[in-house]
Amino acid sequence: MIPWPEANLLRILHRDSVKEIENLSKEQLSRRFEPGSQTLLMLAAASGANAVIGFLRSTVPTLINARSDDGKTALMYACVIGHLTAVKLLVEASDVNAQDARGMTALMHLAWARPTDVIAIADVLLAAQARIDLRDADNQTALDWALRRHTTSGDVTAYWVGDEDELVERLR
């Protein structure tokens, strides 16, 4: 792990500017960051730094399907946070059905997190052939996650409201 000053990284992602990274080597762009051994592409996906995503996608394509310590990809981070444009930038080159250490796919993470653009992102993932039949380590599918909300105790106690009917229909 090569440390990089956090303030510099946050500034780059906040500004969504490639100016500060365009002259870095592929090795420098491929650095891993703590916690979780995340790549700059994963951090950009979670931040919605679309210019940085586009630059890294073309400059260091091996980062697209790189995994964090818990097996997450940049696409999974973009889905959890709900960055539609980031998902669109990543999905065509990503393994859309990659599973993390818990067996969750990007579609499962999306259904679990239910960000603002959940329906639009689900449509993008499904158009990219995201499989709805995959199961995670808890034997849950994306549909199961779309129907349930877990409390801190892990019990299924509440159903979410909003676009659930529309999402459920897409996942059936």
Protein backbone atom coordinates (compact mmCIF):
# COMPACT_ATOMS: atom_id res chain seq x y z
CA MET A 1 0.00 0.00 0.00
CA ILE A 2 1.44 3.34 -1.01
CA PRO A 3 -0.03 6.16 1.09
CA TRP A 4 -1.16 9.29 -0.66
CA PRO A 5 -2.07 12.46 1.22
CA GLU A 6 -5.79 12.27 1.88
CA ALA A 7 -6.37 15.99 1.38
CA ASN A 8 -4.87 15.81 -2.11
CA LEU A 9 -7.03 12.83 -3.03
CA LEU A 10 -10.20 14.44 -1.71
CA ARG A 11 -9.45 17.64 -3.62
CA ILE A 12 -8.96 15.72 -6.87
CA LEU A 13 -12.23 13.84 -6.46
CA HIS A 14 -14.17 16.88 -5.27
CA ARG A 15 -13.02 18.96 -8.24
CA ASP A 16 -13.47 16.00 -10.59
CA SER A 17 -10.43 17.22 -12.46
CA VAL A 18 -7.87 15.06 -14.20
CA LYS A 19 -5.31 17.88 -14.32
CA GLU A 20 -3.61 16.73 -11.12
CA ILE A 21 -3.39 13.09 -12.15
CA GLU A 22 -2.92 13.12 -15.93
CA ASN A 23 0.88 13.10 -15.67
CA LEU A 24 1.07 10.28 -13.15
CA SER A 25 2.36 6.89 -14.24
CA LYS A 26 0.08 3.86 -14.53
CA GLU A 27 1.75 2.52 -11.39
CA GLN A 28 0.89 5.68 -9.48
CA LEU A 29 -2.68 5.65 -10.81
CA SER A 30 -3.01 2.01 -9.73
CA ARG A 31 -2.17 2.72 -6.10
CA ARG A 32 -4.29 1.19 -3.35
CA PHE A 33 -5.73 3.25 -0.53
CA GLU A 34 -6.82 2.39 2.98
CA PRO A 35 -9.19 1.40 4.28
CA GLY A 36 -10.00 -1.64 2.22
CA SER A 37 -7.33 -1.50 -0.47
CA GLN A 38 -9.50 0.64 -2.73
CA THR A 39 -8.26 1.96 -6.06
CA LEU A 40 -8.54 5.54 -7.22
CA LEU A 41 -11.22 4.35 -9.67
CA MET A 42 -13.30 2.90 -6.81
CA LEU A 43 -13.00 6.16 -4.88
CA ALA A 44 -13.93 8.15 -8.00
CA ALA A 45 -16.96 5.89 -8.58
CA ALA A 46 -18.12 6.38 -4.99
CA SER A 47 -17.61 10.14 -5.34
CA GLY A 48 -19.25 10.51 -8.74
CA ALA A 49 -16.04 11.99 -10.15
CA ASN A 50 -17.00 11.20 -13.74
CA ALA A 51 -14.10 12.97 -15.48
CA VAL A 52 -11.66 11.03 -13.30
CA ILE A 53 -13.55 7.81 -14.05
CA GLY A 54 -13.36 8.44 -17.79
CA PHE A 55 -9.65 9.22 -17.60
CA LEU A 56 -8.81 6.16 -15.49
CA ARG A 57 -11.02 3.89 -17.60
CA SER A 58 -9.03 4.72 -20.70
CA THR A 59 -5.61 5.10 -19.07
CA VAL A 60 -5.57 2.08 -16.73
CA PRO A 61 -8.32 -0.27 -17.97
CA THR A 62 -7.18 -3.01 -15.58
CA LEU A 63 -8.69 -0.97 -12.74
CA ILE A 64 -12.22 -1.53 -14.07
CA ASN A 65 -12.56 -5.00 -12.54
CA ALA A 66 -10.00 -4.59 -9.75
CA ARG A 67 -11.25 -5.73 -6.34
CA SER A 68 -11.06 -4.12 -2.91
CA ASP A 69 -10.25 -6.25 0.14
CA ASP A 70 -13.91 -7.20 0.41
CA GLY A 71 -14.18 -8.00 -3.30
CA LYS A 72 -16.05 -4.90 -4.43
CA THR A 73 -15.49 -3.35 -7.85
CA ALA A 74 -15.76 0.28 -8.91
CA LEU A 75 -19.18 -0.51 -10.43
CA MET A 76 -20.43 -1.79 -7.08
CA TYR A 77 -19.31 1.43 -5.36
CA ALA A 78 -21.09 3.54 -7.98
CA CYS A 79 -24.28 1.48 -7.49
CA VAL A 80 -24.26 1.72 -3.71
CA ILE A 81 -23.98 5.50 -3.80
CA GLY A 82 -26.26 5.88 -6.81
CA HIS A 83 -24.11 7.71 -9.33
CA LEU A 84 -25.97 7.03 -12.59
CA THR A 85 -23.38 8.63 -14.88
CA ALA A 86 -20.57 6.74 -13.14
CA VAL A 87 -22.48 3.48 -13.63
CA LYS A 88 -22.93 4.27 -17.33
CA LEU A 89 -19.20 5.00 -17.67
CA LEU A 90 -18.19 1.76 -15.95
CA VAL A 91 -20.80 -0.78 -17.00
CA GLU A 92 -19.70 -1.44 -20.58
CA ALA A 93 -16.19 -2.52 -19.56
CA SER A 94 -17.12 -4.09 -16.20
CA ASP A 95 -17.99 -7.63 -15.28
CA VAL A 96 -21.55 -6.67 -14.39
CA ASN A 97 -22.09 -10.02 -12.65
CA ALA A 98 -18.92 -9.97 -10.55
CA GLN A 99 -19.58 -11.02 -6.96
CA ASP A 100 -17.87 -9.58 -3.90
CA ALA A 101 -16.64 -11.58 -0.88
CA ARG A 102 -20.26 -11.89 0.32
CA GLY A 103 -21.44 -12.97 -3.12
CA MET A 104 -23.24 -9.70 -3.83
CA THR A 105 -23.33 -8.29 -7.36
CA ALA A 106 -23.63 -4.64 -8.39
CA LEU A 107 -27.38 -5.22 -8.89
CA MET A 108 -27.71 -6.65 -5.37
CA HIS A 109 -25.79 -3.70 -3.91
CA LEU A 110 -28.11 -1.35 -5.79
CA ALA A 111 -31.23 -3.14 -4.54
CA TRP A 112 -29.87 -3.14 -0.97
CA ALA A 113 -28.85 0.54 -0.94
CA ARG A 114 -31.77 1.89 -3.00
CA PRO A 115 -30.22 5.25 -3.95
CA THR A 116 -32.19 8.04 -5.62
CA ASP A 117 -31.69 6.81 -9.20
CA VAL A 118 -32.35 3.16 -8.36
CA ILE A 119 -34.70 2.51 -11.31
CA ALA A 120 -32.50 4.20 -13.92
CA ILE A 121 -29.41 2.40 -12.62
CA ALA A 122 -31.26 -0.94 -12.53
CA ASP A 123 -32.24 -0.40 -16.17
CA VAL A 124 -28.59 0.24 -17.10
CA LEU A 125 -27.42 -2.90 -15.28
CA LEU A 126 -30.20 -5.07 -16.71
CA ALA A 127 -29.49 -3.80 -20.24
CA ALA A 128 -25.88 -4.87 -19.66
CA GLN A 129 -27.10 -8.40 -18.90
CA ALA A 130 -26.96 -8.27 -15.10
CA ARG A 131 -28.21 -11.64 -13.91
CA ILE A 132 -31.18 -11.63 -11.56
CA ASP A 133 -30.81 -15.30 -10.61
CA LEU A 134 -27.47 -15.04 -8.79
CA ARG A 135 -27.50 -15.56 -5.03
CA ASP A 136 -25.21 -14.15 -2.38
CA ALA A 137 -23.74 -15.94 0.65
CA ASP A 138 -27.07 -15.46 2.47
CA ASN A 139 -28.92 -17.07 -0.45
CA GLN A 140 -30.46 -13.71 -1.38
CA THR A 141 -31.08 -12.50 -4.94
CA ALA A 142 -31.32 -8.88 -6.06
CA LEU A 143 -35.10 -9.26 -5.88
CA ASP A 144 -34.87 -10.41 -2.26
CA TRP A 145 -32.78 -7.33 -1.44
CA ALA A 146 -35.27 -5.11 -3.27
CA LEU A 147 -38.08 -6.40 -1.08
CA ARG A 148 -36.33 -6.18 2.27
CA ARG A 149 -34.62 -3.70 4.50
CA HIS A 150 -32.38 -4.99 7.25
CA THR A 151 -32.13 -3.35 10.64
CA THR A 152 -28.88 -3.17 12.55
CA SER A 153 -29.79 -6.46 14.22
CA GLY A 154 -29.98 -8.14 10.83
CA ASP A 155 -33.66 -8.98 11.10
CA VAL A 156 -35.93 -8.27 8.18
CA THR A 157 -38.36 -5.85 9.76
CA ALA A 158 -39.55 -3.30 7.26
CA TYR A 159 -40.37 -2.96 3.62
CA TRP A 160 -39.14 0.09 1.82
CA VAL A 161 -41.45 2.50 0.09
CA GLY A 162 -41.16 4.42 -3.13
CA ASP A 163 -40.27 2.76 -6.41
CA GLU A 164 -40.32 -0.76 -5.00
CA ASP A 165 -43.08 -2.01 -7.29
CA GLU A 166 -41.26 -0.76 -10.36
CA LEU A 167 -37.92 -2.20 -9.22
CA VAL A 168 -39.47 -5.53 -8.27
CA GLU A 169 -41.07 -5.82 -11.70
CA ARG A 170 -37.70 -5.22 -13.36
CA LEU A 171 -36.07 -7.92 -11.23
CA ARG A 172 -38.71 -10.61 -11.76
